[in-house]
Amino acid sequence: MSGGWQATNKPRYRLRGKAVTVHIGMAGQDEIRTCARLIAEAMRDDPVVHQIVRGDRNRTNRLTGLYTAVLRAGALSHGVIDVARAESGGPIIGVAAWEGPHGSASVWRQLIEAPRYLRAIGLRHVPAALRAVGALGTHRLDVRHWYLADMAVSSEARGLGVGSALLAHRLEAVDAEAVPAYLEATTRASRRLYERHGFEKVAAIGLAPGVSATAMTRSPRRSGRRGDERGNS
């Protein structure tokens, strides 16, 4: 997959009164906790995430620990973590964590991260969390594919096309490999965004009364079919 910093072909937008162009590159190891914090803040009130991490006490910090473990055991070890910035070298305003088709987390890596999982979830909630995670994985593809494990945009940059820029950037590389992509959308808004980028619903995943996620897949696109896969997030 491609790396290095680049300005996307998204239009310039205004952030805190300043016109900027979103820059996308890959996160370094020293930025994993920053990425995890951004995801935690974005997903703090997500009903699906509440099925995995219960309770409001110290919630953002616990979620930051959880996503630190998820990123280290997943996208960092066998995928890519794309980050968006309003200027090269500036603060991270968006994160997309992709797990690739070229391997999976080792048992050793999972064991290393286990204490973070336990602190975030709490020992008595582990069975319920495992059931939720198991249900979310029900529709994972059984062929080589890229999995969008997590994507989030900072509160100040939402609605400005950052999510779309992150998706377009990585999906171009996924298409070059001619493999499908898979994700679980946890809100209607995220589902609409993914649909604009070619994802289609596979199934609804019920987790609790009134709480569900949507399993979605995307077939690889030929060059020339990407022009209509644009939107704002």
C-alpha atoms as a PDB file:
ATOM      1  CA  MET A   1       0.000   0.000   0.000  1.00  0.00           C
ATOM      2  CA  SER A   2       1.140   3.533  -0.689  1.00  0.00           C
ATOM      3  CA  GLY A   3       2.652   5.797   1.925  1.00  0.00           C
ATOM      4  CA  GLY A   4       4.177   9.234   2.245  1.00  0.00           C
ATOM      5  CA  TRP A   5       2.486  12.609   2.464  1.00  0.00           C
ATOM      6  CA  GLN A   6       0.330  13.938  -0.320  1.00  0.00           C
ATOM      7  CA  ALA A   7      -2.397  16.517  -0.854  1.00  0.00           C
ATOM      8  CA  THR A   8      -5.571  14.867  -2.056  1.00  0.00           C
ATOM      9  CA  ASN A   9      -7.641  16.131  -4.959  1.00  0.00           C
ATOM     10  CA  LYS A  10     -10.406  17.211  -2.586  1.00  0.00           C
ATOM     11  CA  PRO A  11     -11.406  20.901  -2.716  1.00  0.00           C
ATOM     12  CA  ARG A  12      -9.905  23.328  -0.274  1.00  0.00           C
ATOM     13  CA  TYR A  13     -12.093  24.044   2.741  1.00  0.00           C
ATOM     14  CA  ARG A  14     -12.048  26.387   5.711  1.00  0.00           C
ATOM     15  CA  LEU A  15     -11.008  25.221   9.175  1.00  0.00           C
ATOM     16  CA  ARG A  16     -11.068  27.834  11.936  1.00  0.00           C
ATOM     17  CA  GLY A  17     -11.317  30.545   9.290  1.00  0.00           C
ATOM     18  CA  LYS A  18      -8.305  29.341   7.297  1.00  0.00           C
ATOM     19  CA  ALA A  19      -8.468  27.778   3.817  1.00  0.00           C
ATOM     20  CA  VAL A  20      -6.645  24.426   3.825  1.00  0.00           C
ATOM     21  CA  THR A  21      -6.226  21.279   1.738  1.00  0.00           C
ATOM     22  CA  VAL A  22      -6.427  17.946   3.531  1.00  0.00           C
ATOM     23  CA  HIS A  23      -3.106  16.054   3.587  1.00  0.00           C
ATOM     24  CA  ILE A  24      -3.121  12.278   3.998  1.00  0.00           C
ATOM     25  CA  GLY A  25      -0.269  10.026   5.070  1.00  0.00           C
ATOM     26  CA  MET A  26       0.442   7.069   7.322  1.00  0.00           C
ATOM     27  CA  ALA A  27       0.652   7.327  11.100  1.00  0.00           C
ATOM     28  CA  GLY A  28       3.925   6.668  12.849  1.00  0.00           C
ATOM     29  CA  GLN A  29       4.216   4.392  15.892  1.00  0.00           C
ATOM     30  CA  ASP A  30       4.554   7.429  18.141  1.00  0.00           C
ATOM     31  CA  GLU A  31       1.148   8.680  16.922  1.00  0.00           C
ATOM     32  CA  ILE A  32      -0.871   5.568  17.762  1.00  0.00           C
ATOM     33  CA  ARG A  33      -2.217   6.901  21.061  1.00  0.00           C
ATOM     34  CA  THR A  34      -3.157  10.210  19.407  1.00  0.00           C
ATOM     35  CA  CYS A  35      -5.079   8.267  16.765  1.00  0.00           C
ATOM     36  CA  ALA A  36      -6.709   6.122  19.440  1.00  0.00           C
ATOM     37  CA  ARG A  37      -7.785   9.219  21.375  1.00  0.00           C
ATOM     38  CA  LEU A  38      -9.389  10.744  18.295  1.00  0.00           C
ATOM     39  CA  ILE A  39     -11.315   7.525  17.589  1.00  0.00           C
ATOM     40  CA  ALA A  40     -12.341   7.254  21.257  1.00  0.00           C
ATOM     41  CA  GLU A  41     -13.735  10.788  21.307  1.00  0.00           C
ATOM     42  CA  ALA A  42     -15.645  10.212  18.068  1.00  0.00           C
ATOM     43  CA  MET A  43     -17.068   6.830  19.172  1.00  0.00           C
ATOM     44  CA  ARG A  44     -17.707   7.652  22.832  1.00  0.00           C
ATOM     45  CA  ASP A  45     -21.498   7.711  22.490  1.00  0.00           C
ATOM     46  CA  ASP A  46     -21.843   5.160  19.686  1.00  0.00           C
ATOM     47  CA  PRO A  47     -24.500   2.580  20.708  1.00  0.00           C
ATOM     48  CA  VAL A  48     -22.578  -0.285  19.100  1.00  0.00           C
ATOM     49  CA  VAL A  49     -19.393   0.588  20.976  1.00  0.00           C
ATOM     50  CA  HIS A  50     -21.459   0.691  24.192  1.00  0.00           C
ATOM     51  CA  GLN A  51     -22.098  -3.030  23.680  1.00  0.00           C
ATOM     52  CA  ILE A  52     -18.349  -3.642  23.968  1.00  0.00           C
ATOM     53  CA  VAL A  53     -17.292  -1.056  26.548  1.00  0.00           C
ATOM     54  CA  ARG A  54     -20.019  -0.473  29.131  1.00  0.00           C
ATOM     55  CA  GLY A  55     -20.467   2.452  31.513  1.00  0.00           C
ATOM     56  CA  ASP A  56     -19.620   6.150  31.461  1.00  0.00           C
ATOM     57  CA  ARG A  57     -16.978   6.292  34.208  1.00  0.00           C
ATOM     58  CA  ASN A  58     -13.644   7.423  32.765  1.00  0.00           C
ATOM     59  CA  ARG A  59     -15.099   6.355  29.421  1.00  0.00           C
ATOM     60  CA  THR A  60     -12.944   8.347  26.998  1.00  0.00           C
ATOM     61  CA  ASN A  61      -9.727   7.207  28.675  1.00  0.00           C
ATOM     62  CA  ARG A  62     -10.863   3.571  28.711  1.00  0.00           C
ATOM     63  CA  LEU A  63     -11.815   3.772  25.040  1.00  0.00           C
ATOM     64  CA  THR A  64      -8.450   5.338  24.255  1.00  0.00           C
ATOM     65  CA  GLY A  65      -6.781   2.342  25.861  1.00  0.00           C
ATOM     66  CA  LEU A  66      -9.021  -0.038  23.929  1.00  0.00           C
ATOM     67  CA  TYR A  67      -8.352   1.593  20.567  1.00  0.00           C
ATOM     68  CA  THR A  68      -4.631   1.764  21.309  1.00  0.00           C
ATOM     69  CA  ALA A  69      -4.703  -2.021  21.720  1.00  0.00           C
ATOM     70  CA  VAL A  70      -6.905  -2.502  18.650  1.00  0.00           C
ATOM     71  CA  LEU A  71      -4.624  -0.388  16.463  1.00  0.00           C
ATOM     72  CA  ARG A  72      -1.431  -2.045  17.694  1.00  0.00           C
ATOM     73  CA  ALA A  73      -2.757  -5.591  17.327  1.00  0.00           C
ATOM     74  CA  GLY A  74      -4.541  -4.867  14.058  1.00  0.00           C
ATOM     75  CA  ALA A  75      -3.763  -2.193  11.488  1.00  0.00           C
ATOM     76  CA  LEU A  76      -0.294  -1.360  12.803  1.00  0.00           C
ATOM     77  CA  SER A  77       0.861  -4.991  12.661  1.00  0.00           C
ATOM     78  CA  HIS A  78      -0.795  -6.108   9.403  1.00  0.00           C
ATOM     79  CA  GLY A  79      -2.341  -3.135   7.667  1.00  0.00           C
ATOM     80  CA  VAL A  80      -2.103   0.626   7.483  1.00  0.00           C
ATOM     81  CA  ILE A  81      -3.277   3.579   9.551  1.00  0.00           C
ATOM     82  CA  ASP A  82      -4.020   6.587   7.367  1.00  0.00           C
ATOM     83  CA  VAL A  83      -4.203  10.007   9.006  1.00  0.00           C
ATOM     84  CA  ALA A  84      -5.489  13.309   7.661  1.00  0.00           C
ATOM     85  CA  ARG A  85      -4.109  16.737   8.566  1.00  0.00           C
ATOM     86  CA  ALA A  86      -5.147  20.249   7.625  1.00  0.00           C
ATOM     87  CA  GLU A  87      -1.501  21.003   6.846  1.00  0.00           C
ATOM     88  CA  SER A  88       1.577  18.864   6.404  1.00  0.00           C
ATOM     89  CA  GLY A  89       2.960  18.066   9.852  1.00  0.00           C
ATOM     90  CA  GLY A  90      -0.081  19.573  11.579  1.00  0.00           C
ATOM     91  CA  PRO A  91      -2.443  17.977  14.104  1.00  0.00           C
ATOM     92  CA  ILE A  92      -4.308  14.842  13.062  1.00  0.00           C
ATOM     93  CA  ILE A  93      -7.948  15.571  12.168  1.00  0.00           C
ATOM     94  CA  GLY A  94      -8.952  12.166  10.767  1.00  0.00           C
ATOM     95  CA  VAL A  95      -7.964   8.499  11.099  1.00  0.00           C
ATOM     96  CA  ALA A  96      -8.735   5.406   9.026  1.00  0.00           C
ATOM     97  CA  ALA A  97      -7.369   2.062  10.250  1.00  0.00           C
ATOM     98  CA  TRP A  98      -7.276  -0.701   7.657  1.00  0.00           C
ATOM     99  CA  GLU A  99      -6.349  -4.336   8.307  1.00  0.00           C
ATOM    100  CA  GLY A 100      -4.862  -5.944   5.221  1.00  0.00           C
ATOM    101  CA  PRO A 101      -5.168  -9.293   3.452  1.00  0.00           C
ATOM    102  CA  HIS A 102      -1.522 -10.191   3.985  1.00  0.00           C
ATOM    103  CA  GLY A 103      -1.618 -11.562   7.526  1.00  0.00           C
ATOM    104  CA  SER A 104      -3.261 -11.353  10.934  1.00  0.00           C
ATOM    105  CA  ALA A 105      -2.315 -10.433  14.479  1.00  0.00           C
ATOM    106  CA  SER A 106      -0.152 -13.035  16.188  1.00  0.00           C
ATOM    107  CA  VAL A 107      -1.222 -14.654  19.443  1.00  0.00           C
ATOM    108  CA  TRP A 108       1.808 -13.006  21.064  1.00  0.00           C
ATOM    109  CA  ARG A 109       0.671  -9.553  19.900  1.00  0.00           C
ATOM    110  CA  GLN A 110      -2.818 -10.177  21.266  1.00  0.00           C
ATOM    111  CA  LEU A 111      -1.403 -11.299  24.610  1.00  0.00           C
ATOM    112  CA  ILE A 112       0.720  -8.164  24.840  1.00  0.00           C
ATOM    113  CA  GLU A 113      -2.361  -6.003  24.349  1.00  0.00           C
ATOM    114  CA  ALA A 114      -4.629  -8.065  26.642  1.00  0.00           C
ATOM    115  CA  PRO A 115      -4.153  -5.819  29.730  1.00  0.00           C
ATOM    116  CA  ARG A 116      -5.391  -2.791  27.760  1.00  0.00           C
ATOM    117  CA  TYR A 117      -8.461  -4.713  26.616  1.00  0.00           C
ATOM    118  CA  LEU A 118      -9.238  -5.791  30.168  1.00  0.00           C
ATOM    119  CA  ARG A 119      -8.803  -2.310  31.659  1.00  0.00           C
ATOM    120  CA  ALA A 120     -11.116  -0.842  29.028  1.00  0.00           C
ATOM    121  CA  ILE A 121     -13.837  -3.485  29.195  1.00  0.00           C
ATOM    122  CA  GLY A 122     -13.699  -4.626  32.805  1.00  0.00           C
ATOM    123  CA  LEU A 123     -13.427  -8.292  33.743  1.00  0.00           C
ATOM    124  CA  ARG A 124     -17.137  -8.813  34.464  1.00  0.00           C
ATOM    125  CA  HIS A 125     -18.124  -7.391  31.072  1.00  0.00           C
ATOM    126  CA  VAL A 126     -15.709  -9.538  29.040  1.00  0.00           C
ATOM    127  CA  PRO A 127     -18.310 -12.215  28.107  1.00  0.00           C
ATOM    128  CA  ALA A 128     -20.756  -9.608  26.772  1.00  0.00           C
ATOM    129  CA  ALA A 129     -17.973  -7.830  24.880  1.00  0.00           C
ATOM    130  CA  LEU A 130     -16.823 -11.084  23.301  1.00  0.00           C
ATOM    131  CA  ARG A 131     -20.375 -11.833  22.192  1.00  0.00           C
ATOM    132  CA  ALA A 132     -20.657  -8.397  20.563  1.00  0.00           C
ATOM    133  CA  VAL A 133     -17.280  -8.684  18.842  1.00  0.00           C
ATOM    134  CA  GLY A 134     -18.159 -12.186  17.667  1.00  0.00           C
ATOM    135  CA  ALA A 135     -21.452 -10.988  16.203  1.00  0.00           C
ATOM    136  CA  LEU A 136     -19.715  -8.118  14.414  1.00  0.00           C
ATOM    137  CA  GLY A 137     -17.325 -10.584  12.794  1.00  0.00           C
ATOM    138  CA  THR A 138     -20.069 -12.873  11.494  1.00  0.00           C
ATOM    139  CA  HIS A 139     -20.042 -11.482   7.964  1.00  0.00           C
ATOM    140  CA  ARG A 140     -16.313 -10.972   7.451  1.00  0.00           C
ATOM    141  CA  LEU A 141     -15.334 -12.129   3.971  1.00  0.00           C
ATOM    142  CA  ASP A 142     -13.689 -15.514   3.540  1.00  0.00           C
ATOM    143  CA  VAL A 143     -11.535 -14.256   0.645  1.00  0.00           C
ATOM    144  CA  ARG A 144      -8.542 -11.921   0.692  1.00  0.00           C
ATOM    145  CA  HIS A 145      -9.801  -8.431   1.475  1.00  0.00           C
ATOM    146  CA  TRP A 146      -9.077  -5.132   3.193  1.00  0.00           C
ATOM    147  CA  TYR A 147     -11.038  -4.460   6.379  1.00  0.00           C
ATOM    148  CA  LEU A 148     -11.796  -0.919   7.520  1.00  0.00           C
ATOM    149  CA  ALA A 149     -11.644  -1.537  11.262  1.00  0.00           C
ATOM    150  CA  ASP A 150     -12.128   2.077  12.390  1.00  0.00           C
ATOM    151  CA  MET A 151     -12.538   5.518  10.873  1.00  0.00           C
ATOM    152  CA  ALA A 152     -13.097   8.790  12.724  1.00  0.00           C
ATOM    153  CA  VAL A 153     -12.858  12.529  12.129  1.00  0.00           C
ATOM    154  CA  SER A 154     -12.252  15.160  14.808  1.00  0.00           C
ATOM    155  CA  SER A 155     -15.267  17.229  15.857  1.00  0.00           C
ATOM    156  CA  GLU A 156     -13.900  20.436  14.326  1.00  0.00           C
ATOM    157  CA  ALA A 157     -13.400  18.832  10.905  1.00  0.00           C
ATOM    158  CA  ARG A 158     -16.629  16.861  10.507  1.00  0.00           C
ATOM    159  CA  GLY A 159     -18.723  17.606   7.446  1.00  0.00           C
ATOM    160  CA  LEU A 160     -15.757  19.005   5.531  1.00  0.00           C
ATOM    161  CA  GLY A 161     -14.895  16.003   3.363  1.00  0.00           C
ATOM    162  CA  VAL A 162     -12.123  14.546   5.548  1.00  0.00           C
ATOM    163  CA  GLY A 163     -13.780  11.120   5.803  1.00  0.00           C
ATOM    164  CA  SER A 164     -14.362  11.026   2.062  1.00  0.00           C
ATOM    165  CA  ALA A 165     -10.757  12.027   1.400  1.00  0.00           C
ATOM    166  CA  LEU A 166      -9.478   9.231   3.649  1.00  0.00           C
ATOM    167  CA  LEU A 167     -11.705   6.672   1.941  1.00  0.00           C
ATOM    168  CA  ALA A 168     -10.863   7.780  -1.596  1.00  0.00           C
ATOM    169  CA  HIS A 169      -7.138   7.737  -0.807  1.00  0.00           C
ATOM    170  CA  ARG A 170      -7.020   4.159   0.442  1.00  0.00           C
ATOM    171  CA  LEU A 171      -9.669   2.689  -1.860  1.00  0.00           C
ATOM    172  CA  GLU A 172      -7.588   3.733  -4.847  1.00  0.00           C
ATOM    173  CA  ALA A 173      -4.787   1.518  -3.539  1.00  0.00           C
ATOM    174  CA  VAL A 174      -7.227  -1.284  -2.654  1.00  0.00           C
ATOM    175  CA  ASP A 175      -8.598  -1.175  -6.202  1.00  0.00           C
ATOM    176  CA  ALA A 176      -5.063  -1.430  -7.564  1.00  0.00           C
ATOM    177  CA  GLU A 177      -4.760  -4.754  -5.722  1.00  0.00           C
ATOM    178  CA  ALA A 178      -8.100  -5.896  -7.209  1.00  0.00           C
ATOM    179  CA  VAL A 179      -9.419  -7.142  -3.865  1.00  0.00           C
ATOM    180  CA  PRO A 180     -12.706  -6.340  -2.098  1.00  0.00           C
ATOM    181  CA  ALA A 181     -13.143  -4.272   1.052  1.00  0.00           C
ATOM    182  CA  TYR A 182     -15.340  -4.870   4.092  1.00  0.00           C
ATOM    183  CA  LEU A 183     -16.555  -2.858   7.093  1.00  0.00           C
ATOM    184  CA  GLU A 184     -19.289  -2.570   9.696  1.00  0.00           C
ATOM    185  CA  ALA A 185     -21.139   0.769   9.723  1.00  0.00           C
ATOM    186  CA  THR A 186     -22.503   1.687  13.147  1.00  0.00           C
ATOM    187  CA  THR A 187     -24.658   4.719  12.217  1.00  0.00           C
ATOM    188  CA  ARG A 188     -26.948   5.749   9.382  1.00  0.00           C
ATOM    189  CA  ALA A 189     -24.678   8.698   8.543  1.00  0.00           C
ATOM    190  CA  SER A 190     -21.601   6.486   8.216  1.00  0.00           C
ATOM    191  CA  ARG A 191     -23.563   3.988   6.151  1.00  0.00           C
ATOM    192  CA  ARG A 192     -24.557   6.762   3.697  1.00  0.00           C
ATOM    193  CA  LEU A 193     -20.934   7.871   3.433  1.00  0.00           C
ATOM    194  CA  TYR A 194     -19.754   4.341   2.683  1.00  0.00           C
ATOM    195  CA  GLU A 195     -22.513   3.856   0.128  1.00  0.00           C
ATOM    196  CA  ARG A 196     -21.261   6.932  -1.737  1.00  0.00           C
ATOM    197  CA  HIS A 197     -17.897   5.192  -2.001  1.00  0.00           C
ATOM    198  CA  GLY A 198     -19.295   1.984  -3.451  1.00  0.00           C
ATOM    199  CA  PHE A 199     -20.022  -0.120  -0.356  1.00  0.00           C
ATOM    200  CA  GLU A 200     -23.199  -2.164  -0.332  1.00  0.00           C
ATOM    201  CA  LYS A 201     -25.179  -3.623   2.558  1.00  0.00           C
ATOM    202  CA  VAL A 202     -24.693  -7.324   3.215  1.00  0.00           C
ATOM    203  CA  ALA A 203     -26.692  -7.711   6.416  1.00  0.00           C
ATOM    204  CA  ALA A 204     -27.885  -6.016   9.570  1.00  0.00           C
ATOM    205  CA  ILE A 205     -26.080  -7.237  12.696  1.00  0.00           C
ATOM    206  CA  GLY A 206     -28.326  -7.135  15.741  1.00  0.00           C
ATOM    207  CA  LEU A 207     -26.470  -6.640  19.023  1.00  0.00           C
ATOM    208  CA  ALA A 208     -29.231  -5.607  21.433  1.00  0.00           C
ATOM    209  CA  PRO A 209     -32.807  -4.311  21.221  1.00  0.00           C
ATOM    210  CA  GLY A 210     -32.609  -1.211  19.047  1.00  0.00           C
ATOM    211  CA  VAL A 211     -28.857  -1.549  18.506  1.00  0.00           C
ATOM    212  CA  SER A 212     -27.407  -2.874  15.255  1.00  0.00           C
ATOM    213  CA  ALA A 213     -24.530  -2.423  12.825  1.00  0.00           C
ATOM    214  CA  THR A 214     -24.523  -2.887   9.063  1.00  0.00           C
ATOM    215  CA  ALA A 215     -22.091  -5.263   7.379  1.00  0.00           C
ATOM    216  CA  MET A 216     -20.976  -3.761   4.060  1.00  0.00           C
ATOM    217  CA  THR A 217     -18.733  -4.897   1.226  1.00  0.00           C
ATOM    218  CA  ARG A 218     -17.250  -3.224  -1.820  1.00  0.00           C
ATOM    219  CA  SER A 219     -16.011  -4.930  -4.977  1.00  0.00           C
ATOM    220  CA  PRO A 220     -12.802  -3.580  -6.529  1.00  0.00           C
ATOM    221  CA  ARG A 221     -13.314  -0.819  -9.088  1.00  0.00           C
ATOM    222  CA  ARG A 222     -11.650  -0.368 -12.431  1.00  0.00           C
ATOM    223  CA  SER A 223      -9.932   2.973 -13.029  1.00  0.00           C
ATOM    224  CA  GLY A 224     -12.408   5.417 -14.480  1.00  0.00           C
ATOM    225  CA  ARG A 225     -15.293   4.361 -12.211  1.00  0.00           C
ATOM    226  CA  ARG A 226     -14.112   6.399  -9.249  1.00  0.00           C
ATOM    227  CA  GLY A 227     -15.378   9.752 -10.421  1.00  0.00           C
ATOM    228  CA  ASP A 228     -18.826   9.295  -8.885  1.00  0.00           C
ATOM    229  CA  GLU A 229     -17.490   8.030  -5.549  1.00  0.00           C
ATOM    230  CA  ARG A 230     -17.225  11.418  -3.864  1.00  0.00           C
ATOM    231  CA  GLY A 231     -18.958  12.955  -0.881  1.00  0.00           C
ATOM    232  CA  ASN A 232     -18.510  14.963   2.295  1.00  0.00           C
ATOM    233  CA  SER A 233     -17.857  13.843   5.825  1.00  0.00           C
END
